[in-house]
Amino acid sequence: MRHFLAQLAKSKRGATAIEYGLIVALVAIVCMTAINSMATRTTDMWDYVQTNVVPEEG
């Protein structure tokens, strides 16, 4: 396994694969952050609706 990783690190294809892997990791982090932010805002909105909407009596 070490031999394979050493060859991968030396070759240009290995460097390209590592670069693409880093880009994919960065995109995944950005997506998770955006989804988390959206989830927080959505939860806040529904909490506001729950506390301010009063059902009609009758």
PDB file of N, CA and C in Angstrom:
ATOM      1  N   MET A   1       0.828  -1.193   0.000  1.00  0.00           N
ATOM      2  CA  MET A   1       0.000   0.000   0.000  1.00  0.00           C
ATOM      3  C   MET A   1       0.872   1.255   0.000  1.00  0.00           C
ATOM      4  N   ARG A   2       1.955   1.236   0.778  1.00  0.00           N
ATOM      5  CA  ARG A   2       2.851   2.399   0.814  1.00  0.00           C
ATOM      6  C   ARG A   2       3.487   2.636  -0.547  1.00  0.00           C
ATOM      7  N   HIS A   3       3.846   1.548  -1.213  1.00  0.00           N
ATOM      8  CA  HIS A   3       4.456   1.665  -2.534  1.00  0.00           C
ATOM      9  C   HIS A   3       3.479   2.332  -3.502  1.00  0.00           C
ATOM     10  N   PHE A   4       2.231   1.923  -3.465  1.00  0.00           N
ATOM     11  CA  PHE A   4       1.205   2.509  -4.325  1.00  0.00           C
ATOM     12  C   PHE A   4       1.038   3.992  -4.027  1.00  0.00           C
ATOM     13  N   LEU A   5       0.962   4.370  -2.743  1.00  0.00           N
ATOM     14  CA  LEU A   5       0.796   5.778  -2.376  1.00  0.00           C
ATOM     15  C   LEU A   5       2.021   6.603  -2.774  1.00  0.00           C
ATOM     16  N   ALA A   6       3.210   6.022  -2.671  1.00  0.00           N
ATOM     17  CA  ALA A   6       4.424   6.732  -3.080  1.00  0.00           C
ATOM     18  C   ALA A   6       4.418   6.973  -4.584  1.00  0.00           C
ATOM     19  N   GLN A   7       4.021   5.978  -5.352  1.00  0.00           N
ATOM     20  CA  GLN A   7       3.950   6.151  -6.805  1.00  0.00           C
ATOM     21  C   GLN A   7       2.875   7.170  -7.168  1.00  0.00           C
ATOM     22  N   LEU A   8       1.758   7.143  -6.478  1.00  0.00           N
ATOM     23  CA  LEU A   8       0.665   8.069  -6.739  1.00  0.00           C
ATOM     24  C   LEU A   8       1.101   9.498  -6.453  1.00  0.00           C
ATOM     25  N   ALA A   9       1.855   9.701  -5.386  1.00  0.00           N
ATOM     26  CA  ALA A   9       2.322  11.037  -5.030  1.00  0.00           C
ATOM     27  C   ALA A   9       3.341  11.571  -6.036  1.00  0.00           C
ATOM     28  N   LYS A  10       4.132  10.684  -6.651  1.00  0.00           N
ATOM     29  CA  LYS A  10       5.160  11.104  -7.603  1.00  0.00           C
ATOM     30  C   LYS A  10       4.590  11.429  -8.979  1.00  0.00           C
ATOM     31  N   SER A  11       3.529  10.775  -9.358  1.00  0.00           N
ATOM     32  CA  SER A  11       3.004  10.966 -10.708  1.00  0.00           C
ATOM     33  C   SER A  11       2.121  12.203 -10.784  1.00  0.00           C
ATOM     34  N   LYS A  12       1.997  12.739 -11.988  1.00  0.00           N
ATOM     35  CA  LYS A  12       1.116  13.891 -12.204  1.00  0.00           C
ATOM     36  C   LYS A  12      -0.344  13.494 -12.042  1.00  0.00           C
ATOM     37  N   ARG A  13      -0.665  12.284 -12.410  1.00  0.00           N
ATOM     38  CA  ARG A  13      -2.043  11.813 -12.260  1.00  0.00           C
ATOM     39  C   ARG A  13      -2.419  11.777 -10.785  1.00  0.00           C
ATOM     40  N   GLY A  14      -1.474  11.393  -9.940  1.00  0.00           N
ATOM     41  CA  GLY A  14      -1.734  11.356  -8.508  1.00  0.00           C
ATOM     42  C   GLY A  14      -1.966  12.748  -7.955  1.00  0.00           C
ATOM     43  N   ALA A  15      -1.167  13.706  -8.420  1.00  0.00           N
ATOM     44  CA  ALA A  15      -1.334  15.090  -7.969  1.00  0.00           C
ATOM     45  C   ALA A  15      -2.686  15.629  -8.410  1.00  0.00           C
ATOM     46  N   THR A  16      -3.080  15.305  -9.632  1.00  0.00           N
ATOM     47  CA  THR A  16      -4.379  15.747 -10.134  1.00  0.00           C
ATOM     48  C   THR A  16      -5.504  15.110  -9.326  1.00  0.00           C
ATOM     49  N   ALA A  17      -5.378  13.838  -9.012  1.00  0.00           N
ATOM     50  CA  ALA A  17      -6.401  13.154  -8.225  1.00  0.00           C
ATOM     51  C   ALA A  17      -6.516  13.786  -6.838  1.00  0.00           C
ATOM     52  N   ILE A  18      -5.395  14.129  -6.248  1.00  0.00           N
ATOM     53  CA  ILE A  18      -5.412  14.760  -4.926  1.00  0.00           C
ATOM     54  C   ILE A  18      -6.070  16.133  -5.012  1.00  0.00           C
ATOM     55  N   GLU A  19      -5.755  16.897  -6.059  1.00  0.00           N
ATOM     56  CA  GLU A  19      -6.375  18.210  -6.232  1.00  0.00           C
ATOM     57  C   GLU A  19      -7.889  18.086  -6.383  1.00  0.00           C
ATOM     58  N   TYR A  20      -8.326  17.148  -7.198  1.00  0.00           N
ATOM     59  CA  TYR A  20      -9.762  16.939  -7.361  1.00  0.00           C
ATOM     60  C   TYR A  20     -10.403  16.498  -6.052  1.00  0.00           C
ATOM     61  N   GLY A  21      -9.714  15.679  -5.303  1.00  0.00           N
ATOM     62  CA  GLY A  21     -10.232  15.255  -4.002  1.00  0.00           C
ATOM     63  C   GLY A  21     -10.390  16.428  -3.050  1.00  0.00           C
ATOM     64  N   LEU A  22      -9.425  17.340  -3.056  1.00  0.00           N
ATOM     65  CA  LEU A  22      -9.528  18.528  -2.206  1.00  0.00           C
ATOM     66  C   LEU A  22     -10.677  19.429  -2.643  1.00  0.00           C
ATOM     67  N   ILE A  23     -10.860  19.569  -3.948  1.00  0.00           N
ATOM     68  CA  ILE A  23     -11.976  20.380  -4.451  1.00  0.00           C
ATOM     69  C   ILE A  23     -13.304  19.769  -4.046  1.00  0.00           C
ATOM     70  N   VAL A  24     -13.429  18.457  -4.174  1.00  0.00           N
ATOM     71  CA  VAL A  24     -14.672  17.776  -3.779  1.00  0.00           C
ATOM     72  C   VAL A  24     -14.926  17.955  -2.279  1.00  0.00           C
ATOM     73  N   ALA A  25     -13.871  17.848  -1.476  1.00  0.00           N
ATOM     74  CA  ALA A  25     -14.024  18.034  -0.030  1.00  0.00           C
ATOM     75  C   ALA A  25     -14.475  19.453   0.286  1.00  0.00           C
ATOM     76  N   LEU A  26     -13.918  20.444  -0.392  1.00  0.00           N
ATOM     77  CA  LEU A  26     -14.299  21.832  -0.169  1.00  0.00           C
ATOM     78  C   LEU A  26     -15.751  22.074  -0.564  1.00  0.00           C
ATOM     79  N   VAL A  27     -16.158  21.537  -1.699  1.00  0.00           N
ATOM     80  CA  VAL A  27     -17.548  21.686  -2.145  1.00  0.00           C
ATOM     81  C   VAL A  27     -18.494  21.016  -1.150  1.00  0.00           C
ATOM     82  N   ALA A  28     -18.125  19.861  -0.632  1.00  0.00           N
ATOM     83  CA  ALA A  28     -18.964  19.162   0.348  1.00  0.00           C
ATOM     84  C   ALA A  28     -19.102  19.987   1.624  1.00  0.00           C
ATOM     85  N   ILE A  29     -18.018  20.603   2.076  1.00  0.00           N
ATOM     86  CA  ILE A  29     -18.083  21.435   3.284  1.00  0.00           C
ATOM     87  C   ILE A  29     -18.987  22.641   3.053  1.00  0.00           C
ATOM     88  N   VAL A  30     -18.868  23.274   1.894  1.00  0.00           N
ATOM     89  CA  VAL A  30     -19.721  24.426   1.581  1.00  0.00           C
ATOM     90  C   VAL A  30     -21.191  24.009   1.532  1.00  0.00           C
ATOM     91  N   CYS A  31     -21.470  22.866   0.923  1.00  0.00           N
ATOM     92  CA  CYS A  31     -22.858  22.377   0.849  1.00  0.00           C
ATOM     93  C   CYS A  31     -23.412  22.087   2.238  1.00  0.00           C
ATOM     94  N   MET A  32     -22.631  21.437   3.084  1.00  0.00           N
ATOM     95  CA  MET A  32     -23.102  21.128   4.436  1.00  0.00           C
ATOM     96  C   MET A  32     -23.360  22.402   5.230  1.00  0.00           C
ATOM     97  N   THR A  33     -22.505  23.399   5.068  1.00  0.00           N
ATOM     98  CA  THR A  33     -22.691  24.669   5.765  1.00  0.00           C
ATOM     99  C   THR A  33     -23.964  25.364   5.287  1.00  0.00           C
ATOM    100  N   ALA A  34     -24.189  25.375   3.983  1.00  0.00           N
ATOM    101  CA  ALA A  34     -25.383  26.007   3.426  1.00  0.00           C
ATOM    102  C   ALA A  34     -26.654  25.293   3.884  1.00  0.00           C
ATOM    103  N   ILE A  35     -26.642  23.980   3.872  1.00  0.00           N
ATOM    104  CA  ILE A  35     -27.813  23.211   4.310  1.00  0.00           C
ATOM    105  C   ILE A  35     -28.076  23.438   5.789  1.00  0.00           C
ATOM    106  N   ASN A  36     -27.033  23.481   6.593  1.00  0.00           N
ATOM    107  CA  ASN A  36     -27.189  23.723   8.024  1.00  0.00           C
ATOM    108  C   ASN A  36     -27.782  25.105   8.273  1.00  0.00           C
ATOM    109  N   SER A  37     -27.319  26.107   7.533  1.00  0.00           N
ATOM    110  CA  SER A  37     -27.839  27.461   7.679  1.00  0.00           C
ATOM    111  C   SER A  37     -29.312  27.517   7.290  1.00  0.00           C
ATOM    112  N   MET A  38     -29.659  26.848   6.194  1.00  0.00           N
ATOM    113  CA  MET A  38     -31.047  26.830   5.751  1.00  0.00           C
ATOM    114  C   MET A  38     -31.934  26.112   6.774  1.00  0.00           C
ATOM    115  N   ALA A  39     -31.427  25.037   7.334  1.00  0.00           N
ATOM    116  CA  ALA A  39     -32.205  24.290   8.328  1.00  0.00           C
ATOM    117  C   ALA A  39     -32.452  25.140   9.572  1.00  0.00           C
ATOM    118  N   THR A  40     -31.444  25.892   9.983  1.00  0.00           N
ATOM    119  CA  THR A  40     -31.599  26.754  11.160  1.00  0.00           C
ATOM    120  C   THR A  40     -32.654  27.820  10.898  1.00  0.00           C
ATOM    121  N   ARG A  41     -32.591  28.452   9.727  1.00  0.00           N
ATOM    122  CA  ARG A  41     -33.575  29.492   9.405  1.00  0.00           C
ATOM    123  C   ARG A  41     -34.983  28.907   9.287  1.00  0.00           C
ATOM    124  N   THR A  42     -35.102  27.736   8.703  1.00  0.00           N
ATOM    125  CA  THR A  42     -36.413  27.101   8.569  1.00  0.00           C
ATOM    126  C   THR A  42     -36.979  26.742   9.934  1.00  0.00           C
ATOM    127  N   THR A  43     -36.161  26.215  10.809  1.00  0.00           N
ATOM    128  CA  THR A  43     -36.605  25.884  12.165  1.00  0.00           C
ATOM    129  C   THR A  43     -37.048  27.137  12.905  1.00  0.00           C
ATOM    130  N   ASP A  44     -36.285  28.216  12.767  1.00  0.00           N
ATOM    131  CA  ASP A  44     -36.663  29.478  13.400  1.00  0.00           C
ATOM    132  C   ASP A  44     -38.003  29.976  12.869  1.00  0.00           C
ATOM    133  N   MET A  45     -38.226  29.840  11.568  1.00  0.00           N
ATOM    134  CA  MET A  45     -39.484  30.284  10.973  1.00  0.00           C
ATOM    135  C   MET A  45     -40.661  29.484  11.545  1.00  0.00           C
ATOM    136  N   TRP A  46     -40.522  28.164  11.619  1.00  0.00           N
ATOM    137  CA  TRP A  46     -41.628  27.353  12.122  1.00  0.00           C
ATOM    138  C   TRP A  46     -41.843  27.576  13.618  1.00  0.00           C
ATOM    139  N   ASP A  47     -40.794  27.842  14.355  1.00  0.00           N
ATOM    140  CA  ASP A  47     -40.968  28.195  15.769  1.00  0.00           C
ATOM    141  C   ASP A  47     -41.743  29.492  15.909  1.00  0.00           C
ATOM    142  N   TYR A  48     -41.448  30.477  15.057  1.00  0.00           N
ATOM    143  CA  TYR A  48     -42.182  31.743  15.068  1.00  0.00           C
ATOM    144  C   TYR A  48     -43.659  31.501  14.745  1.00  0.00           C
ATOM    145  N   VAL A  49     -43.928  30.702  13.733  1.00  0.00           N
ATOM    146  CA  VAL A  49     -45.309  30.398  13.357  1.00  0.00           C
ATOM    147  C   VAL A  49     -46.031  29.712  14.515  1.00  0.00           C
ATOM    148  N   GLN A  50     -45.360  28.771  15.150  1.00  0.00           N
ATOM    149  CA  GLN A  50     -45.984  28.027  16.246  1.00  0.00           C
ATOM    150  C   GLN A  50     -46.343  28.944  17.408  1.00  0.00           C
ATOM    151  N   THR A  51     -45.503  29.903  17.729  1.00  0.00           N
ATOM    152  CA  THR A  51     -45.767  30.762  18.879  1.00  0.00           C
ATOM    153  C   THR A  51     -46.722  31.897  18.554  1.00  0.00           C
ATOM    154  N   ASN A  52     -46.886  32.273  17.294  1.00  0.00           N
ATOM    155  CA  ASN A  52     -47.719  33.435  16.949  1.00  0.00           C
ATOM    156  C   ASN A  52     -49.042  33.103  16.290  1.00  0.00           C
ATOM    157  N   VAL A  53     -49.265  31.898  15.921  1.00  0.00           N
ATOM    158  CA  VAL A  53     -50.543  31.526  15.320  1.00  0.00           C
ATOM    159  C   VAL A  53     -51.405  30.902  16.411  1.00  0.00           C
ATOM    160  N   VAL A  54     -52.565  31.526  16.602  1.00  0.00           N
ATOM    161  CA  VAL A  54     -53.484  31.043  17.639  1.00  0.00           C
ATOM    162  C   VAL A  54     -54.711  30.464  16.924  1.00  0.00           C
ATOM    163  N   PRO A  55     -55.081  29.227  17.221  1.00  0.00           N
ATOM    164  CA  PRO A  55     -56.254  28.640  16.557  1.00  0.00           C
ATOM    165  C   PRO A  55     -57.534  29.356  16.977  1.00  0.00           C
ATOM    166  N   GLU A  56     -58.490  29.430  16.053  1.00  0.00           N
ATOM    167  CA  GLU A  56     -59.765  30.089  16.353  1.00  0.00           C
ATOM    168  C   GLU A  56     -60.604  29.215  17.273  1.00  0.00           C
ATOM    169  N   GLU A  57     -61.231  29.839  18.214  1.00  0.00           N
ATOM    170  CA  GLU A  57     -62.150  29.137  19.137  1.00  0.00           C
ATOM    171  C   GLU A  57     -63.524  29.116  18.482  1.00  0.00           C
ATOM    172  N   GLY A  58     -64.168  28.017  18.567  1.00  0.00           N
ATOM    173  CA  GLY A  58     -65.510  28.140  18.096  1.00  0.00           C
ATOM    174  C   GLY A  58     -66.117  27.001  17.489  1.00  0.00           C
TER     175      GLY A  58
END
